[in-house]
């Protein structure tokens, strides 16, 4: 019995050794996004571990979003961290360790900082895209199209910040919220008064980036989240997790 326990512990140490090796290769620049990993056999021989340990390590890295496997081609370094963030936060919801209000508070903090950085870092391409989104929102399109444009606007502001972490985290937060209150955005867009207030806030955010008006943009973001949180409070009471 003690021998079996010792073997299990050794196996656990072995897969950790594989993960540590891949992390080190990324750290020194030998592996980048898109790089193909050595075969399972090559890794096992190089690190003197069993192939089962290599498979376990690769399975964990894929769940984390660090690698992706392609049948017949092997394993590659990826950057699919948003999906792992979504799953982690979804489980936190199910375990009652995270509330809608906490998600909204985090979004609010990140979006204000992302906006401030976008004022400084937005490219001409970003500005053109933001203006195009606002123009389409002003056309009175369907609720479904407006919902997609709403998400695209927030994504574009985050991207314009120049901080890739903001993009990953905000997209994950948005996906988690949509997963548990699937029609929250649609609910906000469905009432004319709320829709107009939300679009006015969107318009002011974009205009503030164009004019480099940080205070004006902060005020618009405050108005945006006041509206969202009002509806979120109403809707979250009826959501059974």
C-alpha atoms as a PDB file:
ATOM      1  CA  UNK A   1       0.000   0.000   0.000  1.00  0.00           C
ATOM      2  CA  UNK A   2       2.812   2.369   0.876  1.00  0.00           C
ATOM      3  CA  UNK A   3       4.527   1.478  -2.408  1.00  0.00           C
ATOM      4  CA  UNK A   4       1.413   2.421  -4.415  1.00  0.00           C
ATOM      5  CA  UNK A   5       1.172   5.730  -2.544  1.00  0.00           C
ATOM      6  CA  UNK A   6       4.829   6.443  -3.319  1.00  0.00           C
ATOM      7  CA  UNK A   7       4.274   5.747  -7.021  1.00  0.00           C
ATOM      8  CA  UNK A   8       1.261   8.094  -7.084  1.00  0.00           C
ATOM      9  CA  UNK A   9       3.271  10.893  -5.495  1.00  0.00           C
ATOM     10  CA  UNK A  10       6.086  10.325  -7.989  1.00  0.00           C
ATOM     11  CA  UNK A  11       3.592  10.503 -10.880  1.00  0.00           C
ATOM     12  CA  UNK A  12       2.246  13.800  -9.531  1.00  0.00           C
ATOM     13  CA  UNK A  13       5.745  15.219  -9.287  1.00  0.00           C
ATOM     14  CA  UNK A  14       6.450  14.048 -12.836  1.00  0.00           C
ATOM     15  CA  UNK A  15       3.583  15.921 -14.485  1.00  0.00           C
ATOM     16  CA  UNK A  16       4.491  19.054 -12.510  1.00  0.00           C
ATOM     17  CA  UNK A  17       8.011  18.707 -13.913  1.00  0.00           C
ATOM     18  CA  UNK A  18       6.585  18.698 -17.440  1.00  0.00           C
ATOM     19  CA  UNK A  19       4.516  21.818 -16.746  1.00  0.00           C
ATOM     20  CA  UNK A  20       7.506  23.584 -15.196  1.00  0.00           C
ATOM     21  CA  UNK A  21       9.645  22.713 -18.226  1.00  0.00           C
ATOM     22  CA  UNK A  22       7.103  24.166 -20.674  1.00  0.00           C
ATOM     23  CA  UNK A  23       6.732  27.300 -18.523  1.00  0.00           C
ATOM     24  CA  UNK A  24      10.496  27.752 -18.530  1.00  0.00           C
ATOM     25  CA  UNK A  25      10.652  27.341 -22.323  1.00  0.00           C
ATOM     26  CA  UNK A  26       8.006  30.051 -22.655  1.00  0.00           C
ATOM     27  CA  UNK A  27       9.866  32.262 -20.167  1.00  0.00           C
ATOM     28  CA  UNK A  28      13.140  32.149 -22.116  1.00  0.00           C
ATOM     29  CA  UNK A  29      11.409  32.653 -25.453  1.00  0.00           C
ATOM     30  CA  UNK A  30      11.899  29.203 -26.935  1.00  0.00           C
ATOM     31  CA  UNK A  31       8.124  28.714 -27.094  1.00  0.00           C
ATOM     32  CA  UNK A  32       5.655  31.371 -28.243  1.00  0.00           C
ATOM     33  CA  UNK A  33       1.986  31.412 -29.198  1.00  0.00           C
ATOM     34  CA  UNK A  34       1.688  29.120 -32.195  1.00  0.00           C
ATOM     35  CA  UNK A  35       4.843  27.128 -31.391  1.00  0.00           C
ATOM     36  CA  UNK A  36       4.499  23.368 -31.777  1.00  0.00           C
ATOM     37  CA  UNK A  37       5.504  21.380 -28.703  1.00  0.00           C
ATOM     38  CA  UNK A  38       7.778  18.349 -28.973  1.00  0.00           C
ATOM     39  CA  UNK A  39       5.906  15.058 -29.255  1.00  0.00           C
ATOM     40  CA  UNK A  40       4.719  13.274 -26.110  1.00  0.00           C
ATOM     41  CA  UNK A  41       7.419  10.666 -26.646  1.00  0.00           C
ATOM     42  CA  UNK A  42      10.147  13.283 -27.043  1.00  0.00           C
ATOM     43  CA  UNK A  43       9.048  15.132 -23.898  1.00  0.00           C
ATOM     44  CA  UNK A  44       8.894  11.893 -21.924  1.00  0.00           C
ATOM     45  CA  UNK A  45      12.403  10.912 -22.994  1.00  0.00           C
ATOM     46  CA  UNK A  46      13.865  14.385 -22.508  1.00  0.00           C
ATOM     47  CA  UNK A  47      12.424  14.816 -19.015  1.00  0.00           C
ATOM     48  CA  UNK A  48      12.741  11.154 -17.993  1.00  0.00           C
ATOM     49  CA  UNK A  49       9.045  10.805 -17.130  1.00  0.00           C
ATOM     50  CA  UNK A  50       6.294   8.488 -18.262  1.00  0.00           C
ATOM     51  CA  UNK A  51       4.093   9.380 -21.227  1.00  0.00           C
ATOM     52  CA  UNK A  52       1.053   9.312 -18.932  1.00  0.00           C
ATOM     53  CA  UNK A  53       2.653  12.142 -16.951  1.00  0.00           C
ATOM     54  CA  UNK A  54       3.219  14.097 -20.171  1.00  0.00           C
ATOM     55  CA  UNK A  55      -0.424  13.576 -21.181  1.00  0.00           C
ATOM     56  CA  UNK A  56      -1.624  14.706 -17.752  1.00  0.00           C
ATOM     57  CA  UNK A  57       0.511  17.861 -17.948  1.00  0.00           C
ATOM     58  CA  UNK A  58      -0.749  18.682 -21.447  1.00  0.00           C
ATOM     59  CA  UNK A  59      -4.344  18.087 -20.363  1.00  0.00           C
ATOM     60  CA  UNK A  60      -3.937  20.553 -17.487  1.00  0.00           C
ATOM     61  CA  UNK A  61      -2.252  23.139 -19.714  1.00  0.00           C
ATOM     62  CA  UNK A  62      -5.068  22.850 -22.254  1.00  0.00           C
ATOM     63  CA  UNK A  63      -7.698  23.396 -19.551  1.00  0.00           C
ATOM     64  CA  UNK A  64      -5.733  26.481 -18.467  1.00  0.00           C
ATOM     65  CA  UNK A  65      -5.759  27.756 -22.058  1.00  0.00           C
ATOM     66  CA  UNK A  66      -1.972  27.531 -22.403  1.00  0.00           C
ATOM     67  CA  UNK A  67      -1.972  24.822 -25.076  1.00  0.00           C
ATOM     68  CA  UNK A  68      -4.293  23.484 -27.730  1.00  0.00           C
ATOM     69  CA  UNK A  69      -4.213  20.103 -29.427  1.00  0.00           C
ATOM     70  CA  UNK A  70      -4.914  19.420 -33.071  1.00  0.00           C
ATOM     71  CA  UNK A  71      -5.601  15.845 -34.104  1.00  0.00           C
ATOM     72  CA  UNK A  72      -2.764  14.520 -36.224  1.00  0.00           C
ATOM     73  CA  UNK A  73      -0.693  17.703 -35.809  1.00  0.00           C
ATOM     74  CA  UNK A  74       0.207  17.680 -32.118  1.00  0.00           C
ATOM     75  CA  UNK A  75       0.121  20.243 -29.314  1.00  0.00           C
ATOM     76  CA  UNK A  76       0.666  23.976 -29.741  1.00  0.00           C
ATOM     77  CA  UNK A  77       1.142  26.944 -27.428  1.00  0.00           C
ATOM     78  CA  UNK A  78      -2.070  28.983 -27.352  1.00  0.00           C
ATOM     79  CA  UNK A  79      -3.460  31.976 -25.488  1.00  0.00           C
ATOM     80  CA  UNK A  80      -7.021  30.813 -24.819  1.00  0.00           C
ATOM     81  CA  UNK A  81      -7.159  32.217 -21.297  1.00  0.00           C
ATOM     82  CA  UNK A  82     -10.556  33.850 -21.638  1.00  0.00           C
ATOM     83  CA  UNK A  83     -12.329  30.488 -21.763  1.00  0.00           C
ATOM     84  CA  UNK A  84     -10.592  29.286 -18.582  1.00  0.00           C
ATOM     85  CA  UNK A  85     -11.506  32.551 -16.834  1.00  0.00           C
ATOM     86  CA  UNK A  86     -15.149  32.110 -17.864  1.00  0.00           C
ATOM     87  CA  UNK A  87     -15.249  28.548 -16.535  1.00  0.00           C
ATOM     88  CA  UNK A  88     -13.538  29.495 -13.265  1.00  0.00           C
ATOM     89  CA  UNK A  89     -15.914  32.382 -12.584  1.00  0.00           C
ATOM     90  CA  UNK A  90     -18.922  30.279 -13.612  1.00  0.00           C
ATOM     91  CA  UNK A  91     -17.994  27.674 -10.995  1.00  0.00           C
ATOM     92  CA  UNK A  92     -17.562  30.473  -8.440  1.00  0.00           C
ATOM     93  CA  UNK A  93     -21.142  31.528  -9.230  1.00  0.00           C
ATOM     94  CA  UNK A  94     -22.431  28.009  -8.790  1.00  0.00           C
ATOM     95  CA  UNK A  95     -20.625  27.725  -5.440  1.00  0.00           C
ATOM     96  CA  UNK A  96     -22.134  31.055  -4.312  1.00  0.00           C
ATOM     97  CA  UNK A  97     -18.655  32.584  -4.033  1.00  0.00           C
ATOM     98  CA  UNK A  98     -19.354  35.334  -6.582  1.00  0.00           C
ATOM     99  CA  UNK A  99     -22.340  37.634  -7.112  1.00  0.00           C
ATOM    100  CA  UNK A 100     -23.574  39.611 -10.089  1.00  0.00           C
ATOM    101  CA  UNK A 101     -22.861  42.789  -8.163  1.00  0.00           C
ATOM    102  CA  UNK A 102     -19.223  41.758  -7.673  1.00  0.00           C
ATOM    103  CA  UNK A 103     -18.834  41.059 -11.387  1.00  0.00           C
ATOM    104  CA  UNK A 104     -20.323  44.446 -12.213  1.00  0.00           C
ATOM    105  CA  UNK A 105     -18.055  46.180  -9.697  1.00  0.00           C
ATOM    106  CA  UNK A 106     -14.982  44.578 -11.276  1.00  0.00           C
ATOM    107  CA  UNK A 107     -16.166  45.493 -14.764  1.00  0.00           C
ATOM    108  CA  UNK A 108     -16.732  49.068 -13.638  1.00  0.00           C
ATOM    109  CA  UNK A 109     -13.222  49.411 -12.185  1.00  0.00           C
ATOM    110  CA  UNK A 110     -11.532  47.875 -15.219  1.00  0.00           C
ATOM    111  CA  UNK A 111     -13.600  49.780 -17.779  1.00  0.00           C
ATOM    112  CA  UNK A 112     -12.784  53.135 -16.178  1.00  0.00           C
ATOM    113  CA  UNK A 113      -9.065  52.368 -16.283  1.00  0.00           C
ATOM    114  CA  UNK A 114      -9.341  50.944 -19.809  1.00  0.00           C
ATOM    115  CA  UNK A 115     -11.108  54.132 -20.909  1.00  0.00           C
ATOM    116  CA  UNK A 116      -8.372  56.338 -19.427  1.00  0.00           C
ATOM    117  CA  UNK A 117      -5.682  54.340 -21.239  1.00  0.00           C
ATOM    118  CA  UNK A 118      -7.720  54.410 -24.467  1.00  0.00           C
ATOM    119  CA  UNK A 119      -7.704  58.210 -24.301  1.00  0.00           C
ATOM    120  CA  UNK A 120      -3.916  58.033 -24.488  1.00  0.00           C
ATOM    121  CA  UNK A 121      -3.365  54.963 -26.664  1.00  0.00           C
ATOM    122  CA  UNK A 122      -6.262  54.683 -29.122  1.00  0.00           C
ATOM    123  CA  UNK A 123      -5.094  54.414 -32.735  1.00  0.00           C
ATOM    124  CA  UNK A 124      -6.790  55.932 -35.754  1.00  0.00           C
ATOM    125  CA  UNK A 125      -8.160  52.470 -36.519  1.00  0.00           C
ATOM    126  CA  UNK A 126      -9.663  52.225 -33.014  1.00  0.00           C
ATOM    127  CA  UNK A 127     -11.217  55.692 -33.284  1.00  0.00           C
ATOM    128  CA  UNK A 128     -12.696  54.944 -36.693  1.00  0.00           C
ATOM    129  CA  UNK A 129     -14.197  51.697 -35.437  1.00  0.00           C
ATOM    130  CA  UNK A 130     -15.681  53.352 -32.346  1.00  0.00           C
ATOM    131  CA  UNK A 131     -17.287  56.063 -34.458  1.00  0.00           C
ATOM    132  CA  UNK A 132     -18.674  53.431 -36.836  1.00  0.00           C
ATOM    133  CA  UNK A 133     -20.235  51.525 -33.912  1.00  0.00           C
ATOM    134  CA  UNK A 134     -21.905  54.686 -32.584  1.00  0.00           C
ATOM    135  CA  UNK A 135     -23.215  55.522 -36.051  1.00  0.00           C
ATOM    136  CA  UNK A 136     -24.797  52.079 -36.332  1.00  0.00           C
ATOM    137  CA  UNK A 137     -26.296  52.324 -32.833  1.00  0.00           C
ATOM    138  CA  UNK A 138     -27.955  55.578 -33.924  1.00  0.00           C
ATOM    139  CA  UNK A 139     -29.696  53.845 -36.849  1.00  0.00           C
ATOM    140  CA  UNK A 140     -32.417  52.295 -34.693  1.00  0.00           C
ATOM    141  CA  UNK A 141     -31.505  48.708 -35.551  1.00  0.00           C
ATOM    142  CA  UNK A 142     -33.082  45.638 -33.979  1.00  0.00           C
ATOM    143  CA  UNK A 143     -32.511  44.863 -30.308  1.00  0.00           C
ATOM    144  CA  UNK A 144     -30.370  41.849 -31.257  1.00  0.00           C
ATOM    145  CA  UNK A 145     -28.078  43.984 -33.417  1.00  0.00           C
ATOM    146  CA  UNK A 146     -27.847  46.686 -30.753  1.00  0.00           C
ATOM    147  CA  UNK A 147     -26.817  44.074 -28.170  1.00  0.00           C
ATOM    148  CA  UNK A 148     -23.974  42.900 -30.421  1.00  0.00           C
ATOM    149  CA  UNK A 149     -22.873  46.478 -31.057  1.00  0.00           C
ATOM    150  CA  UNK A 150     -22.955  47.202 -27.316  1.00  0.00           C
ATOM    151  CA  UNK A 151     -20.557  44.312 -26.644  1.00  0.00           C
ATOM    152  CA  UNK A 152     -18.362  45.323 -29.564  1.00  0.00           C
ATOM    153  CA  UNK A 153     -18.060  48.900 -28.290  1.00  0.00           C
ATOM    154  CA  UNK A 154     -16.847  47.797 -24.860  1.00  0.00           C
ATOM    155  CA  UNK A 155     -14.425  45.328 -26.455  1.00  0.00           C
ATOM    156  CA  UNK A 156     -13.050  48.031 -28.763  1.00  0.00           C
ATOM    157  CA  UNK A 157     -12.476  50.478 -25.886  1.00  0.00           C
ATOM    158  CA  UNK A 158     -10.651  47.734 -23.958  1.00  0.00           C
ATOM    159  CA  UNK A 159      -8.529  46.900 -26.999  1.00  0.00           C
ATOM    160  CA  UNK A 160      -7.760  50.583 -27.545  1.00  0.00           C
ATOM    161  CA  UNK A 161      -6.330  50.723 -24.018  1.00  0.00           C
ATOM    162  CA  UNK A 162      -3.353  48.720 -25.249  1.00  0.00           C
ATOM    163  CA  UNK A 163      -3.625  46.324 -22.292  1.00  0.00           C
ATOM    164  CA  UNK A 164      -4.402  42.773 -23.439  1.00  0.00           C
ATOM    165  CA  UNK A 165      -5.367  41.736 -19.892  1.00  0.00           C
ATOM    166  CA  UNK A 166      -8.264  44.192 -19.919  1.00  0.00           C
ATOM    167  CA  UNK A 167      -9.580  42.621 -23.118  1.00  0.00           C
ATOM    168  CA  UNK A 168      -9.363  39.068 -21.727  1.00  0.00           C
ATOM    169  CA  UNK A 169     -10.877  39.897 -18.350  1.00  0.00           C
ATOM    170  CA  UNK A 170     -13.690  42.121 -19.636  1.00  0.00           C
ATOM    171  CA  UNK A 171     -14.688  39.575 -22.270  1.00  0.00           C
ATOM    172  CA  UNK A 172     -14.716  36.851 -19.628  1.00  0.00           C
ATOM    173  CA  UNK A 173     -16.802  38.958 -17.237  1.00  0.00           C
ATOM    174  CA  UNK A 174     -19.217  39.801 -20.017  1.00  0.00           C
ATOM    175  CA  UNK A 175     -19.565  36.148 -21.034  1.00  0.00           C
ATOM    176  CA  UNK A 176     -20.186  35.051 -17.429  1.00  0.00           C
ATOM    177  CA  UNK A 177     -22.890  37.687 -16.998  1.00  0.00           C
ATOM    178  CA  UNK A 178     -24.513  36.715 -20.292  1.00  0.00           C
ATOM    179  CA  UNK A 179     -24.402  33.042 -19.308  1.00  0.00           C
ATOM    180  CA  UNK A 180     -26.310  33.547 -16.062  1.00  0.00           C
ATOM    181  CA  UNK A 181     -28.609  36.392 -17.088  1.00  0.00           C
ATOM    182  CA  UNK A 182     -28.790  35.641 -20.771  1.00  0.00           C
ATOM    183  CA  UNK A 183     -31.128  38.477 -21.730  1.00  0.00           C
ATOM    184  CA  UNK A 184     -29.922  41.267 -19.427  1.00  0.00           C
ATOM    185  CA  UNK A 185     -28.656  43.401 -22.316  1.00  0.00           C
ATOM    186  CA  UNK A 186     -31.844  42.706 -24.255  1.00  0.00           C
ATOM    187  CA  UNK A 187     -33.889  43.756 -21.235  1.00  0.00           C
ATOM    188  CA  UNK A 188     -32.087  47.102 -21.075  1.00  0.00           C
ATOM    189  CA  UNK A 189     -32.436  47.681 -24.816  1.00  0.00           C
ATOM    190  CA  UNK A 190     -36.117  46.718 -24.939  1.00  0.00           C
ATOM    191  CA  UNK A 191     -37.402  49.816 -23.129  1.00  0.00           C
ATOM    192  CA  UNK A 192     -37.086  53.002 -25.157  1.00  0.00           C
ATOM    193  CA  UNK A 193     -36.090  55.294 -22.308  1.00  0.00           C
ATOM    194  CA  UNK A 194     -33.381  52.972 -21.019  1.00  0.00           C
ATOM    195  CA  UNK A 195     -32.090  52.327 -24.523  1.00  0.00           C
ATOM    196  CA  UNK A 196     -31.732  56.034 -25.239  1.00  0.00           C
ATOM    197  CA  UNK A 197     -29.930  56.661 -21.942  1.00  0.00           C
ATOM    198  CA  UNK A 198     -27.558  53.773 -22.572  1.00  0.00           C
ATOM    199  CA  UNK A 199     -26.783  54.903 -26.107  1.00  0.00           C
ATOM    200  CA  UNK A 200     -26.263  58.487 -24.922  1.00  0.00           C
ATOM    201  CA  UNK A 201     -23.714  57.166 -22.418  1.00  0.00           C
ATOM    202  CA  UNK A 202     -22.019  55.152 -25.167  1.00  0.00           C
ATOM    203  CA  UNK A 203     -21.892  58.209 -27.399  1.00  0.00           C
ATOM    204  CA  UNK A 204     -20.345  60.325 -24.639  1.00  0.00           C
ATOM    205  CA  UNK A 205     -17.710  57.661 -23.903  1.00  0.00           C
ATOM    206  CA  UNK A 206     -16.590  57.625 -27.527  1.00  0.00           C
ATOM    207  CA  UNK A 207     -16.723  61.415 -27.814  1.00  0.00           C
ATOM    208  CA  UNK A 208     -14.634  61.728 -24.654  1.00  0.00           C
ATOM    209  CA  UNK A 209     -11.964  59.463 -26.158  1.00  0.00           C
ATOM    210  CA  UNK A 210     -11.921  61.586 -29.305  1.00  0.00           C
ATOM    211  CA  UNK A 211     -11.665  64.803 -27.275  1.00  0.00           C
ATOM    212  CA  UNK A 212      -9.314  63.305 -24.642  1.00  0.00           C
ATOM    213  CA  UNK A 213     -11.824  64.305 -21.981  1.00  0.00           C
ATOM    214  CA  UNK A 214     -11.147  61.895 -19.100  1.00  0.00           C
ATOM    215  CA  UNK A 215     -13.583  63.466 -16.634  1.00  0.00           C
ATOM    216  CA  UNK A 216     -16.391  63.524 -19.193  1.00  0.00           C
ATOM    217  CA  UNK A 217     -15.771  59.892 -20.007  1.00  0.00           C
ATOM    218  CA  UNK A 218     -15.753  58.907 -16.337  1.00  0.00           C
ATOM    219  CA  UNK A 219     -19.135  60.597 -15.886  1.00  0.00           C
ATOM    220  CA  UNK A 220     -20.540  58.731 -18.889  1.00  0.00           C
ATOM    221  CA  UNK A 221     -19.239  55.400 -17.554  1.00  0.00           C
ATOM    222  CA  UNK A 222     -20.839  56.172 -14.177  1.00  0.00           C
ATOM    223  CA  UNK A 223     -24.179  56.778 -15.912  1.00  0.00           C
ATOM    224  CA  UNK A 224     -23.796  53.596 -17.945  1.00  0.00           C
ATOM    225  CA  UNK A 225     -23.170  51.410 -14.902  1.00  0.00           C
ATOM    226  CA  UNK A 226     -25.868  53.093 -12.826  1.00  0.00           C
ATOM    227  CA  UNK A 227     -28.365  52.003 -15.480  1.00  0.00           C
ATOM    228  CA  UNK A 228     -26.931  48.501 -15.791  1.00  0.00           C
ATOM    229  CA  UNK A 229     -26.789  47.964 -12.030  1.00  0.00           C
ATOM    230  CA  UNK A 230     -30.360  49.146 -11.617  1.00  0.00           C
ATOM    231  CA  UNK A 231     -31.597  46.475 -14.008  1.00  0.00           C
ATOM    232  CA  UNK A 232     -29.128  43.934 -12.643  1.00  0.00           C
ATOM    233  CA  UNK A 233     -30.526  44.346  -9.134  1.00  0.00           C
ATOM    234  CA  UNK A 234     -34.042  43.768 -10.387  1.00  0.00           C
ATOM    235  CA  UNK A 235     -33.137  40.779 -12.540  1.00  0.00           C
ATOM    236  CA  UNK A 236     -30.702  39.068 -10.183  1.00  0.00           C
ATOM    237  CA  UNK A 237     -33.437  38.639  -7.538  1.00  0.00           C
ATOM    238  CA  UNK A 238     -35.241  36.262  -9.854  1.00  0.00           C
ATOM    239  CA  UNK A 239     -32.205  34.295 -11.028  1.00  0.00           C
ATOM    240  CA  UNK A 240     -31.849  30.906  -9.368  1.00  0.00           C
ATOM    241  CA  UNK A 241     -28.291  29.600  -9.562  1.00  0.00           C
END
